[in-house]
C-alpha cells in the first residue's frame, strides 16, 4: 500500500520581510510623484505552464533583443518628465545585494538604464526611490 507523499507547507516570511509592501509603497509614490511622467509595473514570469519536461516553466511576455548580456525586467520602468528613463527593482527590507542569477540579470538592466543617464536602482523602501527622484 502506497501512501501519498505530502510536501511540507512552506512557511511564508513575516509580512514585514516580504517584497509586496515595498512594491505597494513604490507604486503609490510613482503614481503621484511630480517628476514621473509615467510608470509601468512589470510582473513578468508570474504565470507558469507545464513544459514538455513535466516541470513548470515561467511565462514571459517579453524578449530582450540585441543585448550581449542576459537581462531581466525589473518591477517598474518608466520615464521622468525630463525625458530620462527609470527602472526600479523592489526588494524586501532586509535585502542587501544581488545573490543569484535572477538578481544579477536585474542588475544588468538597472546598470543599462544608468549608462544612458536614467535612474536604475534596487529599492528596499519607497523612501529610497523618493530620494533618487528628488536628487536627479
Protein backbone atom coordinates (compact mmCIF):
# COMPACT_ATOMS: atom_id res chain seq x y z
CA UNK A 1 0.00 0.00 0.00
CA UNK A 2 1.47 3.31 -1.10
CA UNK A 3 0.90 6.40 0.98
CA UNK A 4 0.60 9.77 -0.68
CA UNK A 5 3.70 11.90 -0.46
CA UNK A 6 2.62 15.20 1.01
CA UNK A 7 5.05 18.04 0.66
CA UNK A 8 5.54 20.12 3.80
CA UNK A 9 3.89 23.50 3.64
CA UNK A 10 6.41 26.29 3.21
CA UNK A 11 6.25 28.91 5.90
CA UNK A 12 5.79 32.38 4.50
CA UNK A 13 8.12 35.11 5.62
CA UNK A 14 6.70 37.57 8.09
CA UNK A 15 4.82 40.37 6.35
CA UNK A 16 7.50 42.95 7.08
CA UNK A 17 10.08 40.75 5.33
CA UNK A 18 8.11 40.40 2.11
CA UNK A 19 8.60 42.41 -1.06
CA UNK A 20 4.86 43.09 -1.55
CA UNK A 21 4.59 46.03 0.89
CA UNK A 22 7.65 47.63 -0.75
CA UNK A 23 6.10 47.19 -4.22
CA UNK A 24 2.85 48.74 -2.97
CA UNK A 25 4.59 51.75 -1.40
CA UNK A 26 6.71 52.37 -4.51
CA UNK A 27 3.59 52.06 -6.70
CA UNK A 28 1.82 54.70 -4.63
CA UNK A 29 4.83 57.03 -4.81
CA UNK A 30 5.33 56.70 -8.57
CA UNK A 31 1.63 57.34 -9.20
CA UNK A 32 1.82 60.84 -7.70
CA UNK A 33 5.45 61.97 -7.88
CA UNK A 34 5.72 65.21 -9.92
CA UNK A 35 8.91 64.09 -11.72
CA UNK A 36 7.33 60.86 -13.02
CA UNK A 37 5.77 61.18 -16.47
CA UNK A 38 4.51 57.61 -16.26
CA UNK A 39 5.45 54.31 -14.68
CA UNK A 40 4.68 50.71 -15.61
CA UNK A 41 4.51 47.89 -13.08
CA UNK A 42 6.02 44.72 -14.55
CA UNK A 43 5.05 41.33 -13.22
CA UNK A 44 6.78 39.03 -15.69
CA UNK A 45 7.11 35.34 -15.01
CA UNK A 46 4.27 35.13 -12.50
CA UNK A 47 2.25 32.71 -14.65
CA UNK A 48 3.58 29.28 -15.49
CA UNK A 49 2.79 26.29 -17.65
CA UNK A 50 3.75 22.64 -17.61
CA UNK A 51 6.57 22.24 -20.14
CA UNK A 52 7.22 19.08 -22.16
CA UNK A 53 9.74 18.06 -19.50
CA UNK A 54 6.94 17.86 -16.95
CA UNK A 55 8.35 20.77 -14.98
CA UNK A 56 6.66 24.12 -14.66
CA UNK A 57 8.22 26.97 -16.60
CA UNK A 58 7.50 30.71 -16.32
CA UNK A 59 5.51 32.53 -18.99
CA UNK A 60 7.41 35.53 -20.39
CA UNK A 61 5.61 38.22 -22.34
CA UNK A 62 8.76 39.97 -23.50
CA UNK A 63 12.10 39.08 -25.02
CA UNK A 64 15.27 41.16 -24.96
CA UNK A 65 16.89 41.56 -28.35
CA UNK A 66 20.39 42.69 -29.35
CA UNK A 67 21.98 42.71 -25.96
CA UNK A 68 25.07 40.60 -25.22
CA UNK A 69 24.36 40.03 -21.50
CA UNK A 70 21.28 38.40 -20.07
CA UNK A 71 18.91 40.93 -18.56
CA UNK A 72 15.74 40.60 -16.57
CA UNK A 73 12.90 43.09 -16.43
CA UNK A 74 12.63 44.97 -13.10
CA UNK A 75 9.41 45.62 -11.19
CA UNK A 76 8.98 49.18 -12.51
CA UNK A 77 10.01 51.02 -15.66
CA UNK A 78 9.00 54.45 -16.87
CA UNK A 79 10.01 57.92 -17.91
CA UNK A 80 10.63 61.08 -15.99
CA UNK A 81 9.20 64.43 -17.05
CA UNK A 82 12.67 65.46 -18.24
CA UNK A 83 12.70 62.57 -20.75
CA UNK A 84 15.03 60.21 -18.88
CA UNK A 85 14.07 56.58 -18.26
CA UNK A 86 13.98 54.90 -14.89
CA UNK A 87 13.93 51.30 -13.72
CA UNK A 88 13.35 50.11 -10.17
CA UNK A 89 13.54 46.62 -8.73
CA UNK A 90 11.74 46.38 -5.38
CA UNK A 91 13.25 44.10 -2.75
CA UNK A 92 12.27 43.07 0.77
CA UNK A 93 13.50 45.43 3.51
CA UNK A 94 16.28 43.04 4.60
CA UNK A 95 17.76 42.63 1.09
CA UNK A 96 21.36 43.81 0.70
CA UNK A 97 22.82 42.77 -2.68
CA UNK A 98 22.29 40.55 -5.72
CA UNK A 99 22.84 36.91 -4.76
CA UNK A 100 21.61 34.80 -7.67
CA UNK A 101 21.39 34.82 -11.47
CA UNK A 102 17.94 36.40 -11.42
CA UNK A 103 19.11 39.36 -9.34
CA UNK A 104 22.34 39.71 -11.34
CA UNK A 105 20.27 39.87 -14.54
CA UNK A 106 18.11 42.57 -12.92
CA UNK A 107 21.30 44.44 -12.01
CA UNK A 108 22.41 44.38 -15.67
CA UNK A 109 19.13 46.01 -16.69
CA UNK A 110 19.44 48.68 -13.99
CA UNK A 111 23.05 49.40 -14.99
CA UNK A 112 21.99 49.78 -18.63
CA UNK A 113 19.45 52.42 -17.62
CA UNK A 114 22.11 54.27 -15.60
CA UNK A 115 24.53 54.15 -18.58
CA UNK A 116 22.09 56.17 -20.67
CA UNK A 117 21.55 58.78 -17.95
CA UNK A 118 18.49 57.33 -16.29
CA UNK A 119 17.76 56.17 -12.76
CA UNK A 120 18.23 52.46 -12.16
CA UNK A 121 18.13 51.08 -8.66
CA UNK A 122 17.26 48.26 -6.32
CA UNK A 123 14.98 49.68 -3.63
CA UNK A 124 14.03 48.26 -0.26
CA UNK A 125 11.71 51.18 0.51
CA UNK A 126 9.76 53.94 -1.21
CA UNK A 127 11.99 56.43 0.64
CA UNK A 128 14.98 55.25 -1.42
CA UNK A 129 13.01 55.85 -4.62
CA UNK A 130 11.87 59.30 -3.46
CA UNK A 131 15.45 60.22 -2.65
CA UNK A 132 16.67 59.10 -6.09
CA UNK A 133 13.88 61.03 -7.83
CA UNK A 134 14.34 64.17 -5.76
CA UNK A 135 18.11 64.31 -6.31
CA UNK A 136 18.02 63.52 -10.01
